[in-house]
Amino acid sequence: MNLTVFGIGYVGLVQAAVLAEVGHNVLCVDIDAEKVERLNQGLIPIYEPGLEGLVRENHAAGRIKFTTDTIQAVKHGRILMSAVGTPPSEDGSADLKYVLAVAEVIGREMEEPKIVVSKSTVPVGTCDKIRSTIAEMLKARGREELTFDVVSNPEFLKEGSAVGDCMKPDRIIVGTSSDETETLMRELYAPFSRNHEKMIVMDVRSAEFTKYAANCILATKISFMNEMSGLAERLGADIEEVRKGIGSDPRIGYDFIYPGLGYGGSCFPKDIRAMIKTAEGISFDAKMLKAVEERNAEQKSILFEKVNRYFKGNLKGKVFALWGLAFKPNTDDMREAPSRTLMEALWQAGATVQAFDPEAMQECQSIYGQRDDLLLYGTKEAALRGADALLIVTEWKSFRAPSFDLMRDALTTPVIFDGRNLYDPKVIARHGLEYHSIGRKAA
């Protein structure tokens, strides 16, 4: 099937590559000419496990192509998939300017019936706006006879495992009331439903809402567990033992109940705020979502508060090793990452950061540039040398089994502040290190 994907960002590129992998003929279009040129050269703009090989192999096979030509893009696809960004506006609501710009292009250039698929995370009612925009453009051209449908098909990808999530989706949500459109969407996604039917068809607004509801409940689980960690620490309980106890209940499960430094990235923070703004727009008080966001904002400062308390507020001139910059493992994404909140607080207090991350070093450099109080090291061990303490922010696998003796000898003060509870406090203590983590008593 011929398919066009508008927007070669995180969602668009992954989805396009996976659809090409199963045999579809995918044309990707973006306004960023430099990005398009680099992709045509086999250079991938983001880090995502498995994505680079997938793009290169399918590009070489001619199943995925990249262009800035919107006329060619609209002509190519029977299905036109919009996967452009929806960044937050100043008030926290989703900015739909890129989504509606794609709709304008489609309405201006289409010469035959099309299925327009909204892949971006958008507020309820956005597909109606896309439909109206396209219809207005067709009317202006005197081409009202051209038919089209607008489908909501939200993505449910996790950064760090997006290719796998796309290849083996647990569900495919499709919002449409058209039998013809449903048939075409089933054909598009048939390769992913061979084991059992994955597609769930519903009305458009319910499909749009499903994406936000999913992210909101996952963010709520994270903030709930972080709130419990604060209580556990003060009551003398071990949140890691509590996690095992409650996670064994199948009604709760183990996913998204790890205590830590709060959620970050491109989805949860933006989507929680957008849902709150949507609720405000219809005079509904989203009390729980506001509490989730408030808890998350406070959680990002927990590690700094522990460090500041330990050093009695005297952080000026101190040097801290920091392991982890990305908001989660297996990505280089630092959008709303807890590391940024921590580093900026340390700098404000007069401290220097010696940081290491397996993938996000370049991203960190692009965000903060050259600073005397930010030193980036090529290995996690090098970042330890001469530091007054080690701060762990991201739970990369390579951090899980370090040499504790090396840590103790490299640090000026043998103390670890672990924002991800990677280690057993008893093991740390045997190696002569002081250990402060989340929701557990200091060892």
Protein backbone atom coordinates (compact mmCIF):
# COMPACT_ATOMS: atom_id res chain seq x y z
CA MET A 1 0.00 0.00 0.00
CA ASN A 2 1.20 3.52 -0.78
CA LEU A 3 1.42 5.58 2.39
CA THR A 4 2.63 9.10 3.15
CA VAL A 5 3.84 10.16 6.59
CA PHE A 6 3.96 13.88 7.39
CA GLY A 7 6.57 14.68 10.06
CA ILE A 8 9.81 12.75 10.46
CA GLY A 9 10.09 13.17 14.19
CA TYR A 10 10.19 10.43 16.77
CA VAL A 11 6.74 8.98 16.09
CA GLY A 12 6.69 9.53 12.35
CA LEU A 13 10.10 8.01 11.64
CA VAL A 14 9.57 4.92 13.78
CA GLN A 15 6.08 4.27 12.41
CA ALA A 16 7.21 4.83 8.83
CA ALA A 17 10.20 2.51 9.18
CA VAL A 18 8.12 -0.30 10.68
CA LEU A 19 5.39 0.02 8.03
CA ALA A 20 8.06 -0.11 5.34
CA GLU A 21 9.58 -3.17 6.99
CA VAL A 22 6.34 -5.15 6.50
CA GLY A 23 6.17 -4.19 2.83
CA HIS A 24 4.29 -0.90 2.51
CA ASN A 25 5.65 1.80 0.19
CA VAL A 26 6.22 4.78 2.51
CA LEU A 27 7.07 8.34 1.56
CA CYS A 28 8.07 10.60 4.46
CA VAL A 29 7.79 14.37 4.11
CA ASP A 30 9.17 17.09 6.35
CA ILE A 31 9.80 20.83 6.03
CA ASP A 32 13.32 20.43 7.45
CA ALA A 33 15.43 20.07 4.30
CA GLU A 34 18.62 19.32 6.25
CA LYS A 35 16.93 16.47 8.16
CA VAL A 36 15.57 15.02 4.91
CA GLU A 37 18.99 15.17 3.27
CA ARG A 38 20.67 13.50 6.22
CA LEU A 39 18.07 10.72 6.27
CA ASN A 40 18.60 10.12 2.57
CA GLN A 41 22.29 9.70 3.45
CA GLY A 42 21.41 7.15 6.13
CA LEU A 43 21.98 9.49 9.09
CA ILE A 44 19.34 9.07 11.81
CA PRO A 45 18.48 12.22 13.83
CA ILE A 46 17.46 10.38 17.03
CA TYR A 47 18.74 7.48 19.08
CA GLU A 48 16.32 4.59 19.35
CA PRO A 49 17.47 0.95 19.59
CA GLY A 50 16.99 -0.88 16.29
CA LEU A 51 15.81 2.15 14.32
CA GLU A 52 18.97 3.00 12.39
CA GLY A 53 19.30 -0.44 10.80
CA LEU A 54 15.59 -0.54 10.00
CA VAL A 55 15.65 2.81 8.21
CA ARG A 56 18.82 2.08 6.26
CA GLU A 57 17.71 -1.37 5.10
CA ASN A 58 14.29 -0.19 3.93
CA HIS A 59 15.71 2.93 2.32
CA ALA A 60 18.16 0.79 0.37
CA ALA A 61 15.27 -1.46 -0.67
CA GLY A 62 13.26 1.54 -1.87
CA ARG A 63 10.38 0.98 0.56
CA ILE A 64 10.97 4.21 2.47
CA LYS A 65 11.89 7.56 0.94
CA PHE A 66 12.28 11.08 2.30
CA THR A 67 11.27 14.35 0.66
CA THR A 68 10.30 17.98 1.25
CA ASP A 69 7.96 17.95 -1.78
CA THR A 70 4.43 18.24 -0.39
CA ILE A 71 2.80 17.92 -3.82
CA GLN A 72 4.52 14.59 -4.38
CA ALA A 73 3.70 13.55 -0.82
CA VAL A 74 -0.04 14.15 -1.12
CA LYS A 75 -0.16 12.48 -4.54
CA HIS A 76 1.74 9.40 -3.36
CA GLY A 77 -0.37 8.08 -0.53
CA ARG A 78 -3.85 6.62 -0.51
CA ILE A 79 -3.41 7.04 3.23
CA LEU A 80 -1.90 10.31 4.48
CA MET A 81 -0.63 9.97 8.05
CA SER A 82 0.02 13.11 10.09
CA ALA A 83 2.66 12.57 12.78
CA VAL A 84 3.83 16.15 13.32
CA GLY A 85 4.55 17.55 16.75
CA THR A 86 2.04 19.12 19.11
CA PRO A 87 4.26 21.18 21.42
CA PRO A 88 2.77 22.80 24.49
CA SER A 89 1.59 26.40 24.23
CA GLU A 90 2.52 28.88 26.94
CA ASP A 91 -0.65 28.01 28.86
CA GLY A 92 0.03 24.26 28.67
CA SER A 93 -2.52 23.46 25.98
CA ALA A 94 -1.50 21.53 22.86
CA ASP A 95 -0.38 23.75 19.99
CA LEU A 96 -2.07 22.46 16.82
CA LYS A 97 -0.41 24.77 14.30
CA TYR A 98 1.64 21.98 12.70
CA VAL A 99 -1.32 19.58 12.62
CA LEU A 100 -3.53 22.16 10.90
CA ALA A 101 -0.70 23.17 8.55
CA VAL A 102 -0.60 19.57 7.29
CA ALA A 103 -4.38 19.67 6.85
CA GLU A 104 -4.03 22.84 4.76
CA VAL A 105 -1.40 21.19 2.55
CA ILE A 106 -3.65 18.17 2.01
CA GLY A 107 -6.65 20.33 1.18
CA ARG A 108 -4.57 22.43 -1.21
CA GLU A 109 -2.90 19.56 -3.06
CA MET A 110 -5.25 16.53 -3.08
CA GLU A 111 -6.71 15.55 -6.45
CA GLU A 112 -8.33 12.22 -5.51
CA PRO A 113 -10.03 10.67 -2.46
CA LYS A 114 -7.77 10.27 0.60
CA ILE A 115 -7.80 8.81 4.09
CA VAL A 116 -6.17 11.25 6.52
CA VAL A 117 -4.84 9.57 9.65
CA SER A 118 -4.12 11.64 12.76
CA LYS A 119 -1.19 9.92 14.48
CA SER A 120 -0.14 12.84 16.66
CA THR A 121 -1.28 13.15 20.27
CA VAL A 122 -4.05 15.72 20.00
CA PRO A 123 -6.92 16.98 22.16
CA VAL A 124 -10.42 15.63 21.66
CA GLY A 125 -12.04 17.38 18.74
CA THR A 126 -8.85 17.86 16.70
CA CYS A 127 -9.95 15.49 13.94
CA ASP A 128 -13.02 17.69 13.51
CA LYS A 129 -10.71 20.69 13.05
CA ILE A 130 -8.61 18.76 10.53
CA ARG A 131 -11.76 17.83 8.63
CA SER A 132 -12.99 21.43 8.59
CA THR A 133 -9.60 22.77 7.47
CA ILE A 134 -9.36 20.34 4.55
CA ALA A 135 -12.98 21.03 3.56
CA GLU A 136 -12.37 24.79 3.57
CA MET A 137 -9.29 24.41 1.36
CA LEU A 138 -11.19 22.21 -1.09
CA LYS A 139 -14.07 24.69 -1.18
CA ALA A 140 -11.67 27.53 -1.89
CA ARG A 141 -10.38 25.53 -4.86
CA GLY A 142 -13.87 24.65 -6.06
CA ARG A 143 -13.18 20.95 -5.49
CA GLU A 144 -15.87 20.08 -2.93
CA GLU A 145 -16.60 16.87 -4.86
CA LEU A 146 -13.33 15.31 -3.62
CA THR A 147 -14.08 12.94 -0.76
CA PHE A 148 -11.89 12.22 2.25
CA ASP A 149 -12.11 10.79 5.74
CA VAL A 150 -10.23 11.71 8.90
CA VAL A 151 -9.20 8.91 11.25
CA SER A 152 -7.81 9.05 14.78
CA ASN A 153 -5.03 6.46 15.16
CA PRO A 154 -2.98 7.44 18.23
CA GLU A 155 0.47 5.98 18.89
CA PHE A 156 1.42 4.12 22.06
CA LEU A 157 5.20 3.98 21.69
CA LYS A 158 7.66 4.03 24.57
CA GLU A 159 10.98 5.74 23.96
CA GLY A 160 13.70 3.15 24.22
CA SER A 161 11.48 0.33 22.96
CA ALA A 162 9.52 2.09 20.22
CA VAL A 163 10.52 -0.21 17.37
CA GLY A 164 9.42 -3.27 19.34
CA ASP A 165 6.21 -1.55 20.42
CA CYS A 166 5.46 -0.76 16.78
CA MET A 167 6.33 -4.22 15.45
CA LYS A 168 4.35 -6.00 18.17
CA PRO A 169 1.64 -3.59 19.34
CA ASP A 170 -0.57 -4.61 22.23
CA ARG A 171 -3.44 -2.68 20.64
CA ILE A 172 -4.13 -0.55 17.57
CA ILE A 173 -6.74 2.11 18.26
CA VAL A 174 -8.67 3.35 15.22
CA GLY A 175 -11.32 6.03 15.46
CA THR A 176 -13.71 6.04 12.49
CA SER A 177 -17.39 5.63 11.72
CA SER A 178 -16.80 4.59 8.10
CA ASP A 179 -16.89 0.91 7.15
CA GLU A 180 -14.80 1.62 4.06
CA THR A 181 -12.14 3.39 6.11
CA GLU A 182 -12.10 0.65 8.70
CA THR A 183 -11.50 -1.93 5.96
CA LEU A 184 -8.55 0.06 4.61
CA MET A 185 -7.04 0.52 8.07
CA ARG A 186 -7.35 -3.21 8.73
CA GLU A 187 -5.45 -3.82 5.49
CA LEU A 188 -2.74 -1.36 6.54
CA TYR A 189 -2.21 -3.02 9.91
CA ALA A 190 -2.91 -6.64 8.92
CA PRO A 191 0.78 -7.66 9.24
CA PHE A 192 0.67 -6.77 12.94
CA SER A 193 -2.45 -8.78 13.76
CA ARG A 194 -1.44 -12.24 12.51
CA ASN A 195 -1.25 -13.72 16.01
CA HIS A 196 -4.58 -12.25 17.10
CA GLU A 197 -6.68 -9.22 16.26
CA LYS A 198 -5.07 -6.08 17.67
CA MET A 199 -7.34 -3.43 16.22
CA ILE A 200 -9.95 -1.78 18.41
CA VAL A 201 -12.36 0.40 16.43
CA MET A 202 -14.33 3.18 18.09
CA ASP A 203 -15.64 6.66 17.35
CA VAL A 204 -13.12 9.37 16.57
CA ARG A 205 -13.42 11.36 19.80
CA SER A 206 -13.10 8.27 21.97
CA ALA A 207 -9.93 7.31 20.09
CA GLU A 208 -8.45 10.77 20.64
CA PHE A 209 -9.35 10.58 24.33
CA THR A 210 -7.92 7.07 24.74
CA LYS A 211 -4.36 8.27 24.11
CA TYR A 212 -4.56 11.00 26.75
CA ALA A 213 -6.31 8.73 29.24
CA ALA A 214 -3.59 6.09 28.84
CA ASN A 215 -0.75 8.54 29.47
CA CYS A 216 -2.60 10.14 32.37
CA ILE A 217 -3.10 6.85 34.21
CA LEU A 218 0.54 5.83 33.71
CA ALA A 219 1.74 9.20 34.98
CA THR A 220 -0.64 8.82 37.93
CA LYS A 221 0.91 5.46 38.86
CA ILE A 222 4.37 7.04 38.84
CA SER A 223 3.35 10.00 40.98
CA PHE A 224 1.41 7.76 43.35
CA MET A 225 4.45 5.56 43.95
CA ASN A 226 6.67 8.58 44.43
CA GLU A 227 4.26 9.92 47.03
CA MET A 228 4.30 6.54 48.79
CA SER A 229 8.11 6.62 48.77
CA GLY A 230 8.07 9.88 50.70
CA LEU A 231 5.73 8.39 53.27
CA ALA A 232 7.73 5.15 53.51
CA GLU A 233 10.98 6.99 54.12
CA ARG A 234 9.48 8.95 56.98
CA LEU A 235 7.70 5.96 58.50
CA GLY A 236 10.71 3.66 58.44
CA ALA A 237 9.39 1.36 55.70
CA ASP A 238 11.34 0.23 52.61
CA ILE A 239 9.53 1.28 49.45
CA GLU A 240 11.28 -1.41 47.41
CA GLU A 241 9.80 -4.12 49.59
CA VAL A 242 6.45 -2.39 49.42
CA ARG A 243 6.72 -2.29 45.62
CA LYS A 244 7.19 -6.05 45.48
CA GLY A 245 4.27 -6.56 47.83
CA ILE A 246 1.78 -4.48 45.90
CA GLY A 247 3.10 -5.38 42.45
CA SER A 248 2.36 -9.05 43.08
CA ASP A 249 -1.33 -8.15 43.03
CA PRO A 250 -2.39 -8.67 39.38
CA ARG A 251 -4.85 -5.79 39.71
CA ILE A 252 -1.84 -3.48 40.26
CA GLY A 253 1.10 -5.14 38.51
CA TYR A 254 4.78 -4.15 38.53
CA ASP A 255 4.81 -1.69 35.63
CA PHE A 256 5.18 2.02 36.42
CA ILE A 257 5.44 1.58 40.20
CA TYR A 258 9.19 2.13 40.53
CA PRO A 259 9.95 5.04 42.85
CA GLY A 260 12.32 7.61 41.42
CA LEU A 261 12.79 11.21 40.41
CA GLY A 262 9.56 11.69 38.49
CA TYR A 263 8.60 11.37 34.86
CA GLY A 264 9.99 13.43 32.00
CA GLY A 265 10.27 13.18 28.24
CA SER A 266 8.07 14.44 25.45
CA CYS A 267 4.77 12.76 26.37
CA PHE A 268 3.68 12.58 30.00
CA PRO A 269 4.44 16.18 31.08
CA LYS A 270 2.92 17.67 27.94
CA ASP A 271 -0.12 15.41 27.89
CA ILE A 272 -0.98 15.87 31.57
CA ARG A 273 -0.90 19.65 31.15
CA ALA A 274 -2.91 19.49 27.93
CA MET A 275 -5.57 17.37 29.62
CA ILE A 276 -5.76 19.82 32.53
CA LYS A 277 -6.21 22.71 30.07
CA THR A 278 -8.87 20.76 28.19
CA ALA A 279 -10.71 20.19 31.45
CA GLU A 280 -10.49 23.88 32.32
CA GLY A 281 -11.96 24.71 28.91
CA ILE A 282 -15.15 22.82 29.77
CA SER A 283 -15.26 24.02 33.41
CA PHE A 284 -14.21 20.67 34.85
CA ASP A 285 -11.80 20.63 37.80
CA ALA A 286 -9.25 17.86 37.08
CA LYS A 287 -8.13 17.61 40.71
CA MET A 288 -6.31 14.31 40.40
CA LEU A 289 -4.33 15.34 37.32
CA LYS A 290 -3.28 18.58 38.99
CA ALA A 291 -2.04 16.58 41.99
CA VAL A 292 -0.12 14.22 39.68
CA GLU A 293 1.66 17.15 38.04
CA GLU A 294 2.38 18.84 41.37
CA ARG A 295 3.84 15.66 42.88
CA ASN A 296 6.00 15.12 39.82
CA ALA A 297 7.39 18.64 39.92
CA GLU A 298 8.33 18.23 43.58
CA GLN A 299 9.83 14.78 43.00
CA LYS A 300 12.37 16.14 40.54
CA SER A 301 13.93 18.15 43.38
CA ILE A 302 14.15 15.27 45.87
CA LEU A 303 17.74 14.31 45.09
CA PHE A 304 18.99 17.89 45.32
CA GLU A 305 17.27 18.27 48.68
CA LYS A 306 18.99 15.13 49.97
CA VAL A 307 22.37 16.34 48.71
CA ASN A 308 21.89 19.84 50.10
CA ARG A 309 20.83 18.46 53.48
CA TYR A 310 23.79 16.07 53.65
CA PHE A 311 26.29 18.86 52.95
CA LYS A 312 24.45 21.23 55.31
CA GLY A 313 23.64 23.72 52.57
CA ASN A 314 27.30 24.26 51.71
CA LEU A 315 27.48 23.22 48.05
CA LYS A 316 29.56 26.08 46.69
CA GLY A 317 32.75 24.70 45.19
CA LYS A 318 31.61 21.09 45.52
CA VAL A 319 31.97 18.70 42.58
CA PHE A 320 29.34 16.04 41.88
CA ALA A 321 29.57 13.04 39.59
CA LEU A 322 26.27 12.53 37.78
CA TRP A 323 25.36 9.27 36.08
CA GLY A 324 22.52 9.68 33.61
CA LEU A 325 21.25 12.66 31.64
CA ALA A 326 18.43 11.21 29.52
CA PHE A 327 14.98 11.14 31.10
CA LYS A 328 14.99 7.33 30.81
CA PRO A 329 17.33 4.59 29.51
CA ASN A 330 17.74 3.72 25.82
CA THR A 331 17.13 7.23 24.57
CA ASP A 332 19.05 10.49 24.22
CA ASP A 333 15.96 12.55 25.02
CA MET A 334 16.45 15.14 27.77
CA ARG A 335 13.12 16.92 27.44
CA GLU A 336 11.90 17.66 30.98
CA ALA A 337 14.48 15.20 32.32
CA PRO A 338 15.03 15.14 36.12
CA SER A 339 18.75 15.56 35.41
CA ARG A 340 18.10 19.08 34.19
CA THR A 341 16.27 20.10 37.36
CA LEU A 342 19.07 18.61 39.45
CA MET A 343 21.97 20.12 37.53
CA GLU A 344 20.42 23.57 37.39
CA ALA A 345 19.83 23.52 41.15
CA LEU A 346 23.43 22.43 41.76
CA TRP A 347 24.78 25.18 39.52
CA GLN A 348 22.60 27.73 41.28
CA ALA A 349 24.19 26.59 44.54
CA GLY A 350 27.70 27.02 43.13
CA ALA A 351 28.55 23.36 42.46
CA THR A 352 30.17 21.71 39.44
CA VAL A 353 28.77 18.64 37.66
CA GLN A 354 30.88 15.87 36.12
CA ALA A 355 28.39 13.95 33.99
CA PHE A 356 28.24 10.77 31.96
CA ASP A 357 25.41 9.24 29.90
CA PRO A 358 25.76 6.48 27.29
CA GLU A 359 23.69 8.37 24.69
CA ALA A 360 22.66 11.87 25.82
CA MET A 361 26.02 13.66 26.05
CA GLN A 362 25.64 15.42 22.70
CA GLU A 363 22.08 16.42 23.55
CA CYS A 364 23.28 17.84 26.88
CA GLN A 365 25.96 19.81 25.06
CA SER A 366 23.43 21.23 22.62
CA ILE A 367 21.13 22.31 25.48
CA TYR A 368 23.71 23.88 27.80
CA GLY A 369 26.69 24.62 25.55
CA GLN A 370 30.10 25.21 27.07
CA ARG A 371 30.02 25.82 30.82
CA ASP A 372 32.81 25.83 33.37
CA ASP A 373 30.54 24.04 35.84
CA LEU A 374 29.56 21.22 33.45
CA LEU A 375 32.15 18.61 32.51
CA LEU A 376 31.18 15.68 30.28
CA TYR A 377 33.23 12.50 30.57
CA GLY A 378 33.58 9.55 28.21
CA THR A 379 33.10 6.88 30.88
CA LYS A 380 31.15 6.60 34.09
CA GLU A 381 34.35 5.85 35.98
CA ALA A 382 36.08 8.99 34.73
CA ALA A 383 33.19 11.12 35.97
CA LEU A 384 33.82 9.88 39.53
CA ARG A 385 37.37 11.12 39.93
CA GLY A 386 37.68 13.82 42.54
CA ALA A 387 33.93 14.21 42.99
CA ASP A 388 32.45 14.86 46.41
CA ALA A 389 29.55 12.45 45.78
CA LEU A 390 27.93 10.34 43.10
CA LEU A 391 24.37 11.18 41.97
CA ILE A 392 22.46 8.57 39.91
CA VAL A 393 19.62 9.91 37.80
CA THR A 394 18.96 7.45 34.95
CA GLU A 395 18.73 3.67 35.35
CA TRP A 396 20.96 2.61 32.44
CA LYS A 397 21.85 -1.11 32.53
CA SER A 398 25.56 -0.29 32.55
CA PHE A 399 25.10 1.39 35.94
CA ARG A 400 23.63 -1.66 37.65
CA ALA A 401 26.81 -3.60 38.50
CA PRO A 402 29.66 -1.12 39.01
CA SER A 403 32.84 -1.57 41.03
CA PHE A 404 31.84 -0.23 44.43
CA ASP A 405 35.47 -0.32 45.56
CA LEU A 406 36.41 1.90 42.62
CA MET A 407 33.58 4.25 43.55
CA ARG A 408 34.76 4.47 47.14
CA ASP A 409 38.37 5.15 46.15
CA ALA A 410 37.54 7.69 43.42
CA LEU A 411 35.12 9.82 45.44
CA THR A 412 36.40 12.48 47.83
CA THR A 413 33.45 11.67 50.09
CA PRO A 414 32.32 8.02 49.82
CA VAL A 415 28.62 8.75 49.41
CA ILE A 416 26.04 7.85 46.76
CA PHE A 417 22.70 9.55 46.17
CA ASP A 418 20.69 7.12 44.06
CA GLY A 419 17.54 8.51 42.43
CA ARG A 420 16.61 5.12 40.93
CA ASN A 421 17.23 2.65 43.80
CA LEU A 422 19.64 0.56 41.72
CA TYR A 423 21.55 -1.02 44.59
CA ASP A 424 21.08 -3.07 47.72
CA PRO A 425 21.89 -0.84 50.72
CA LYS A 426 23.53 -3.73 52.56
CA VAL A 427 25.92 -4.39 49.68
CA ILE A 428 26.81 -0.72 49.47
CA ALA A 429 27.50 -0.58 53.20
CA ARG A 430 29.86 -3.58 53.01
CA HIS A 431 32.00 -1.64 50.57
CA GLY A 432 32.32 1.31 52.89
CA LEU A 433 29.99 3.67 51.07
CA GLU A 434 27.17 5.75 52.48
CA TYR A 435 23.98 5.34 50.51
CA HIS A 436 20.93 7.59 50.16
CA SER A 437 18.10 6.42 47.90
CA ILE A 438 14.36 6.98 47.40
CA GLY A 439 11.88 5.74 49.98
CA ARG A 440 14.46 3.88 52.07
CA LYS A 441 16.38 4.77 55.18
CA ALA A 442 19.99 5.92 54.59
CA ALA A 443 22.55 3.12 54.95
